[in-house]
Every structure is written in structure tokens, then in C-alpha cells.
Protein backbone atom coordinates (compact mmCIF):
# COMPACT_ATOMS: atom_id res chain seq x y z
CA MET A 1 -59.73 -26.59 62.80
CA ARG A 2 -60.52 -25.98 59.65
CA ALA A 3 -57.50 -22.95 59.67
CA PHE A 4 -55.44 -25.02 61.03
CA THR A 5 -56.63 -27.56 57.28
CA LYS A 6 -55.83 -24.02 55.21
CA LEU A 7 -52.73 -22.37 57.01
CA PRO A 8 -50.56 -24.69 54.13
CA ILE A 9 -52.70 -23.69 51.12
CA TYR A 10 -51.45 -19.84 52.63
CA LEU A 11 -47.96 -20.87 53.06
CA PHE A 12 -47.78 -22.63 49.98
CA GLY A 13 -49.02 -20.17 48.01
CA LEU A 14 -47.11 -17.24 49.71
CA MET A 15 -43.58 -19.23 49.44
CA PHE A 16 -45.44 -19.48 45.62
CA LEU A 17 -45.12 -15.33 45.11
CA VAL A 18 -42.05 -14.22 46.16
CA VAL A 19 -40.32 -17.33 44.50
CA ASN A 20 -41.71 -15.60 41.60
CA SER A 21 -41.14 -12.10 42.14
CA CYS A 22 -37.04 -13.75 42.90
CA ASN A 23 -37.36 -14.73 39.39
CA GLN A 24 -38.50 -11.50 37.10
CA HIS A 25 -36.38 -9.20 39.91
CA GLN A 26 -33.19 -11.54 38.40
CA GLU A 27 -34.69 -12.27 34.41
CA LYS A 28 -34.02 -8.36 34.83
CA ASP A 29 -31.44 -7.93 36.14
CA ALA A 30 -29.83 -10.05 34.10
CA VAL A 31 -26.14 -9.10 32.03
CA THR A 32 -25.95 -10.48 28.43
CA LEU A 33 -22.89 -11.38 25.87
CA ASP A 34 -24.91 -8.52 23.65
CA SER A 35 -24.69 -5.62 26.83
CA ILE A 36 -20.73 -6.13 27.37
CA ARG A 37 -18.63 -6.36 23.73
CA PRO A 38 -17.62 -4.37 22.78
CA HIS A 39 -19.54 -2.32 19.03
CA SER A 40 -17.88 -0.78 16.06
CA GLY A 41 -18.94 2.99 16.27
CA LYS A 42 -17.37 6.33 15.52
CA LYS A 43 -14.39 6.13 17.94
CA HIS A 44 -13.34 3.06 15.75
CA VAL A 45 -13.83 5.34 12.68
CA GLN A 46 -11.37 7.30 13.92
CA ASN A 47 -8.46 4.97 14.08
CA SER A 48 -9.11 4.12 11.16
CA ALA A 49 -7.93 7.70 9.63
CA GLY A 50 -5.39 7.53 11.40
CA GLU A 51 -3.97 4.31 11.19
CA GLN A 52 -3.98 5.31 7.23
CA GLN A 53 -2.18 9.00 8.42
CA ASP A 54 0.69 6.25 10.16
CA THR A 55 0.59 4.26 6.92
CA LEU A 56 1.45 7.76 5.08
CA ARG A 57 4.08 8.82 7.95
CA LYS A 58 6.45 5.43 8.02
CA TYR A 59 6.60 5.90 4.14
CA VAL A 60 8.25 9.59 4.87
CA ASN A 61 10.05 8.13 7.45
CA TYR A 62 11.34 5.92 4.59
CA TYR A 63 12.68 7.57 2.34
CA ALA A 64 13.77 11.17 4.89
CA ASN A 65 15.87 8.76 7.01
CA ASP A 66 17.77 6.56 3.67
CA SER A 67 21.03 6.55 3.39
CA ALA A 68 21.30 7.60 -0.41
CA PHE A 69 19.23 11.02 1.31
CA MET A 70 16.68 11.20 -0.88
CA GLN A 71 15.41 13.91 1.39
CA ILE A 72 11.59 12.75 0.97
CA SER A 73 9.61 15.73 2.85
CA LYS A 74 5.67 14.98 2.01
CA VAL A 75 4.19 11.86 0.52
CA ARG A 76 0.31 10.97 -0.47
CA LEU A 77 -1.72 9.22 -2.28
CA ASP A 78 -2.06 9.90 -6.25
CA SER A 79 -5.44 10.25 -7.23
CA THR A 80 -5.17 11.04 -10.73
CA PRO A 81 -6.79 9.59 -13.33
CA SER A 82 -4.23 8.81 -15.62
CA LEU A 83 -3.02 5.22 -16.73
CA HIS A 84 -0.17 3.71 -17.59
CA PHE A 85 0.33 0.98 -19.91
CA ILE A 86 1.72 -1.39 -17.11
CA ASP A 87 -1.66 -0.72 -15.58
CA ARG A 88 -3.25 -3.61 -17.59
CA PHE A 89 -0.61 -6.86 -17.14
CA SER A 90 -0.93 -6.04 -12.38
CA ALA A 91 -3.76 -5.47 -10.59
CA THR A 92 -1.85 -5.04 -6.99
CA ARG A 93 0.26 -1.73 -7.74
CA GLN A 94 1.17 1.41 -5.37
CA LYS A 95 0.52 5.36 -6.67
CA TRP A 96 2.28 8.05 -4.63
CA ILE A 97 3.27 11.30 -5.35
CA LEU A 98 6.49 12.44 -3.46
CA GLN A 99 7.63 15.86 -2.75
CA ASP A 100 11.23 16.54 -1.43
CA SER A 101 12.72 18.95 -0.04
CA ASN A 102 13.57 20.65 -3.54
CA ASN A 103 9.75 21.20 -3.59
CA VAL A 104 10.54 18.59 -6.46
CA PHE A 105 7.46 16.89 -7.27
CA TYR A 106 7.57 12.89 -8.23
CA GLN A 107 4.91 11.15 -9.35
CA TYR A 108 5.95 7.43 -8.01
CA LYS A 109 4.72 3.59 -9.54
CA GLN A 110 5.17 -0.28 -8.49
CA TRP A 111 3.43 -2.81 -9.67
CA HIS A 112 3.54 -6.20 -8.22
CA PHE A 113 3.22 -9.55 -10.60
CA LYS A 114 2.70 -13.57 -9.18
CA ASP A 115 6.16 -14.15 -10.44
CA SER A 116 9.55 -13.54 -12.39
CA SER A 117 8.32 -14.92 -16.09
CA ALA A 118 4.84 -11.81 -15.74
CA CYS A 119 7.03 -9.58 -14.87
CA LEU A 120 9.10 -9.68 -16.79
CA GLU A 121 5.99 -10.41 -19.70
CA ALA A 122 4.73 -6.89 -18.53
CA PHE A 123 8.12 -4.72 -19.32
CA TYR A 124 8.59 -6.71 -22.76
CA ASN A 125 4.88 -6.22 -23.78
CA TRP A 126 5.15 -2.20 -22.92
CA LEU A 127 9.03 -2.05 -24.93
CA ASP A 128 7.43 -3.07 -27.64
CA GLN A 129 5.25 0.52 -28.08
CA ALA A 130 8.05 3.06 -26.23
CA GLY A 131 8.97 4.34 -29.32
CA ARG A 132 8.46 7.70 -30.63
CA GLN A 133 5.29 6.95 -33.21
CA LYS A 134 4.41 3.38 -30.62
CA GLU A 135 7.06 1.43 -32.29
CA SER A 136 9.11 -0.83 -30.72
CA VAL A 137 12.13 0.32 -29.11
CA LYS A 138 15.41 -2.61 -28.39
CA LEU A 139 16.31 -4.03 -24.72
CA LEU A 140 19.31 -2.69 -23.76
CA GLU A 141 19.97 -0.18 -26.21
CA GLY A 142 16.88 1.50 -27.66
CA SER A 143 15.63 5.28 -26.52
CA ILE A 144 12.54 5.55 -24.87
CA SER A 145 9.72 8.17 -25.68
CA SER A 146 9.15 10.82 -23.14
CA SER A 147 8.45 14.27 -22.68
CA ASN A 148 9.27 13.75 -18.96
CA TYR A 149 12.55 12.68 -16.80
CA GLY A 150 11.88 9.17 -15.76
CA LEU A 151 13.05 6.10 -14.12
CA MET A 152 12.40 2.72 -14.15
CA ILE A 153 13.09 -0.44 -12.11
CA VAL A 154 12.98 -4.27 -14.04
CA GLY A 155 13.09 -6.43 -10.05
CA GLN A 156 12.61 -10.11 -10.05
CA ARG A 157 8.14 -9.80 -9.76
CA GLU A 158 8.20 -6.03 -9.82
CA VAL A 159 8.42 -3.05 -11.24
CA LEU A 160 8.81 0.66 -10.24
CA PHE A 161 8.27 3.56 -11.82
CA VAL A 162 9.44 7.57 -11.17
CA GLU A 163 9.06 10.42 -13.03
CA ALA A 164 9.23 13.95 -12.55
CA PRO A 165 9.31 16.73 -15.56
CA ARG A 166 12.28 18.04 -14.48
CA ASN A 167 15.78 15.97 -13.79
CA PHE A 168 16.58 14.27 -11.38
CA ASN A 169 19.20 12.05 -9.56
CA HIS A 170 18.30 8.66 -11.00
CA LYS A 171 21.21 7.87 -8.93
CA LYS A 172 20.13 7.85 -5.61
CA TRP A 173 17.15 6.13 -6.21
CA LEU A 174 19.40 3.38 -7.75
CA LEU A 175 20.95 3.49 -5.16
CA TRP A 176 17.95 3.40 -2.28
CA TYR A 177 16.78 0.44 -4.59
CA SER A 178 19.36 -1.55 -4.07
CA GLY A 179 19.32 -1.10 0.03
CA THR A 180 15.34 -2.00 0.76
CA LYS A 181 14.25 -4.93 2.64
CA ASP A 182 13.24 -6.56 -1.08
CA TYR A 183 15.66 -6.29 -2.80
CA PHE A 184 17.51 -8.63 -5.17
CA PRO A 185 19.33 -8.20 -8.55
CA ILE A 186 17.64 -6.20 -10.35
CA LYS A 187 17.04 -7.27 -14.37
CA TYR A 188 16.67 -4.24 -16.01
CA ALA A 189 17.61 -0.60 -15.07
CA LEU A 190 17.02 2.61 -17.83
CA PHE A 191 16.94 6.02 -17.60
CA VAL A 192 14.27 8.10 -19.65
CA GLN A 193 15.51 11.66 -20.80
CA PRO A 194 12.99 14.20 -23.66
CA LYS A 195 15.34 14.63 -26.73
CA LYS A 196 17.62 12.65 -25.19
CA ARG A 197 19.30 9.52 -25.20
CA THR A 198 17.82 6.65 -22.66
CA LYS A 199 20.44 5.46 -20.05
CA TRP A 200 20.44 1.76 -19.15
CA PHE A 201 21.71 -0.33 -16.61
CA LYS A 202 22.32 -3.57 -15.81
CA SER A 203 23.53 -5.08 -11.86
CA ASN A 204 26.96 -6.98 -11.36
CA ASN A 205 27.17 -8.77 -8.72
CA ASN A 206 24.63 -6.77 -7.17
CA GLN A 207 26.38 -3.30 -8.28
CA ILE A 208 24.10 -1.51 -10.63
CA GLU A 209 26.23 -0.45 -13.62
CA ALA A 210 25.66 1.71 -16.33
CA LEU A 211 25.98 0.43 -20.49
């Protein structure tokens, strides 16, 4: 009779052991959110490098397929430490080294400004010291002192400057710029030539004309 009275206690204890064992097994096999969430690693770094190459590839295509026939074959970042006067007026800029099919190298710079007033202020300040003896150069008439050939384009909120050690077809660059998707009629444009008069341009009915 005593054996029957102890039987429920044994059964209860046995059930407790079984349930506890199942719970422990479930806890070990549980899948956490962190275990299935994607993690960054070496693969991500490789993708970033690929994206940078793709970005440069887009610039090559941008010039190579242009209707102005720029014939730019290579583009790379310009890592030279040299600064331009306009750098002090804009922290937003691009610097590239471009190479065309004739092995001519161009230094390409582009500065962006918050509005048209800031853009013109930067250009006028640069003009005030662009002479041979750092004197002011007269707008639309004066000549810029330079040892290289260079084209400067002043847009609505950007200044673009292309420079090369030898003469290049600046008309192609003007044509290229007028065909860019963000193009607005230019404020000023000028082509700098060593020991020669600077050529100035203006926009007339969306056409760039020499002065």
C-alpha cells in the first residue's frame, strides 16, 4: 500500500526530469538573430574597391562617348598636394588627372558652391591676384599669368578648371561643358595661354561666343 502512495511522487519526479531535459536541449539549439544577420567582412571591402573602380570607369565613359569627341582614355584621382587659390573658398571639389588618346595629360579641377554669389565671389577674388606680379586682372579683357595652358569656366554655382602643359583644343571642352546634364549658361569662360593674350568667352542665347 505504501508503494502505491509513493508512485505519484516518482512519476512527478520523472516528468520533471524529462521536461527540464527538453528545455535545455531547446536552449542549446535556439537560433539567435545575431547568428543569421549578415556581417561585414573582407567581402565588403572588396565591393567598396570595386565600386570606386566603377566610379572612375563612369568618368572615362563620360568623356570617351561624348559628342565633342574628347577622346579621354584614362582617369585617375589627382593626389598631388598642390593647392589652387579657389580651394580656400570651397571645400567641395573634384581633382582628376585625365589622359587622352594622344597621351596629353590634363589636370581637372571642379569646385561647387552653395549659391551663385559665393561662386562669383571666389572667381573675383582669384582674378584680383591672377596677374604676372599678383596684381588684379581686368574682367573680360585682362590676361592671366600662367606657365601652362588652361581653361576656366565659371557656371552658376561651380567653377571648372582644366590645365595642360601643352596647347589643347579648348573649343572641344566648351562644347563638352555645354552638353553636360547640369549645364546652365556660363557666367564667364577664359582660355589661358603662356606669353599670349587670354581669350575670353561669354554666353549668348545658350551659345558660347569669343569676345
